[in-house]
């Protein structure tokens, strides 16, 4: 019974750590020179901004859903006409889900670190290719 209690406490503390880390990332949206801001819209036309890491491979621009909060990803797939602010310029793109082959290539070319995965609760990763429009 004591082992179950210890495991339960460890799980609750870990879940709280992940929730806190993800919440802080979502609130502060830290950016770097390799970041982009994607502007998605919902079905009513309301726009939302999200800072994401820019991934480039074979001359194509990609972004990835690396976290549990994923409303931006759902909006981009439902309304694929998105805007991206990159290097100070706003450009129009179409958000396109990637094939399994592309997903595998991107995963190998842009691996996530173990510490990052631990801090984010090991979320699944999904890529979107951004095609100019």
Protein backbone atom coordinates (compact mmCIF):
# COMPACT_ATOMS: atom_id res chain seq x y z
CA UNK A 1 0.00 0.00 0.00
CA UNK A 2 2.88 2.35 0.79
CA UNK A 3 4.38 1.82 -2.69
CA UNK A 4 1.06 2.76 -4.34
CA UNK A 5 0.93 5.94 -2.26
CA UNK A 6 4.52 6.92 -3.22
CA UNK A 7 3.88 6.23 -6.91
CA UNK A 8 0.66 8.28 -6.75
CA UNK A 9 2.45 11.23 -5.14
CA UNK A 10 5.28 11.10 -7.71
CA UNK A 11 2.74 11.00 -10.55
CA UNK A 12 0.78 13.96 -9.13
CA UNK A 13 3.95 16.03 -8.63
CA UNK A 14 5.11 15.21 -12.19
CA UNK A 15 1.69 16.11 -13.66
CA UNK A 16 1.78 19.43 -11.76
CA UNK A 17 5.31 20.12 -13.05
CA UNK A 18 4.24 19.47 -16.65
CA UNK A 19 1.07 21.58 -16.28
CA UNK A 20 3.07 24.46 -14.78
CA UNK A 21 5.79 24.30 -17.44
CA UNK A 22 3.28 24.14 -20.32
CA UNK A 23 1.19 26.96 -18.83
CA UNK A 24 4.20 29.22 -18.44
CA UNK A 25 5.30 28.52 -22.02
CA UNK A 26 1.82 29.31 -23.28
CA UNK A 27 1.56 32.50 -21.26
CA UNK A 28 5.02 33.96 -21.95
CA UNK A 29 5.51 32.48 -25.47
CA UNK A 30 9.28 32.89 -25.47
CA UNK A 31 10.83 33.56 -28.86
CA UNK A 32 14.25 33.26 -30.41
CA UNK A 33 15.81 34.08 -33.80
CA UNK A 34 14.53 30.69 -35.04
CA UNK A 35 10.94 31.42 -33.98
CA UNK A 36 7.95 32.37 -36.09
CA UNK A 37 4.54 33.66 -35.10
CA UNK A 38 1.69 31.79 -36.72
CA UNK A 39 -1.65 33.57 -36.97
CA UNK A 40 -4.58 31.19 -37.19
CA UNK A 41 -8.28 31.93 -37.26
CA UNK A 42 -11.33 30.14 -35.92
CA UNK A 43 -14.60 29.56 -37.78
CA UNK A 44 -15.83 33.03 -36.75
CA UNK A 45 -12.74 34.74 -38.18
CA UNK A 46 -11.19 35.58 -34.81
CA UNK A 47 -7.39 35.54 -35.11
CA UNK A 48 -4.94 33.96 -32.67
CA UNK A 49 -1.16 34.35 -32.48
CA UNK A 50 1.21 31.61 -31.30
CA UNK A 51 5.02 31.63 -31.17
CA UNK A 52 6.49 28.43 -32.64
CA UNK A 53 9.89 27.10 -33.57
CA UNK A 54 10.72 27.36 -37.25
CA UNK A 55 11.81 24.12 -38.86
CA UNK A 56 13.31 24.08 -42.34
CA UNK A 57 14.04 21.03 -44.42
CA UNK A 58 14.76 20.68 -48.14
CA UNK A 59 13.79 24.31 -48.75
CA UNK A 60 10.38 23.87 -47.08
CA UNK A 61 9.10 25.65 -43.97
CA UNK A 62 7.50 23.57 -41.21
CA UNK A 63 6.14 24.04 -37.71
CA UNK A 64 5.45 21.31 -35.19
CA UNK A 65 2.98 20.67 -32.43
CA UNK A 66 5.31 19.67 -29.61
CA UNK A 67 3.07 20.37 -26.61
CA UNK A 68 -0.22 19.23 -25.13
CA UNK A 69 -1.97 22.60 -25.72
CA UNK A 70 -2.78 22.42 -29.41
CA UNK A 71 -5.66 24.74 -30.31
CA UNK A 72 -3.46 26.55 -32.86
CA UNK A 73 -2.84 23.23 -34.62
CA UNK A 74 -6.54 22.38 -34.81
CA UNK A 75 -7.35 25.86 -36.13
CA UNK A 76 -4.59 25.66 -38.76
CA UNK A 77 -5.95 22.35 -40.07
CA UNK A 78 -9.59 23.57 -40.00
CA UNK A 79 -8.75 26.93 -41.62
CA UNK A 80 -5.49 26.32 -43.49
CA UNK A 81 -5.04 29.88 -44.74
CA UNK A 82 -2.62 31.16 -42.10
CA UNK A 83 -0.27 34.09 -41.76
CA UNK A 84 3.28 33.77 -40.50
CA UNK A 85 5.44 36.54 -39.09
CA UNK A 86 9.05 35.62 -39.76
CA UNK A 87 12.10 37.88 -39.68
CA UNK A 88 9.82 40.91 -39.28
CA UNK A 89 7.68 40.19 -42.35
CA UNK A 90 4.14 38.81 -42.47
CA UNK A 91 3.60 36.21 -45.20
CA UNK A 92 0.50 34.23 -46.22
CA UNK A 93 0.75 30.43 -46.19
CA UNK A 94 -1.42 27.35 -46.50
CA UNK A 95 -1.03 24.87 -43.62
CA UNK A 96 -0.66 21.33 -45.00
CA UNK A 97 -0.45 18.17 -42.87
CA UNK A 98 2.63 16.12 -43.75
CA UNK A 99 2.78 12.56 -45.03
CA UNK A 100 4.15 9.73 -42.89
CA UNK A 101 7.39 9.76 -44.90
CA UNK A 102 7.80 13.51 -44.39
CA UNK A 103 7.00 13.09 -40.68
CA UNK A 104 9.71 10.46 -40.29
CA UNK A 105 12.28 12.57 -42.16
CA UNK A 106 11.48 15.65 -40.08
CA UNK A 107 11.60 13.69 -36.82
CA UNK A 108 15.07 12.43 -37.71
CA UNK A 109 16.30 15.83 -38.92
CA UNK A 110 14.87 17.75 -35.93
CA UNK A 111 14.95 15.51 -32.85
CA UNK A 112 13.54 16.68 -29.51
CA UNK A 113 15.76 16.43 -26.46
CA UNK A 114 14.89 14.09 -23.63
CA UNK A 115 14.75 16.92 -21.06
CA UNK A 116 12.29 18.85 -23.25
CA UNK A 117 10.12 15.77 -23.70
CA UNK A 118 10.19 15.09 -19.95
CA UNK A 119 9.24 18.68 -19.08
CA UNK A 120 6.35 18.66 -21.56
CA UNK A 121 4.98 15.26 -20.54
CA UNK A 122 6.05 13.34 -23.67
CA UNK A 123 3.36 14.75 -26.01
CA UNK A 124 2.96 13.33 -29.52
CA UNK A 125 4.55 15.40 -32.26
CA UNK A 126 2.79 16.47 -35.46
CA UNK A 127 4.23 18.58 -38.25
CA UNK A 128 2.59 21.08 -40.58
CA UNK A 129 4.20 22.20 -43.81
CA UNK A 130 3.66 25.86 -44.66
CA UNK A 131 3.26 26.35 -48.40
CA UNK A 132 3.33 29.95 -49.73
CA UNK A 133 0.06 31.23 -51.20
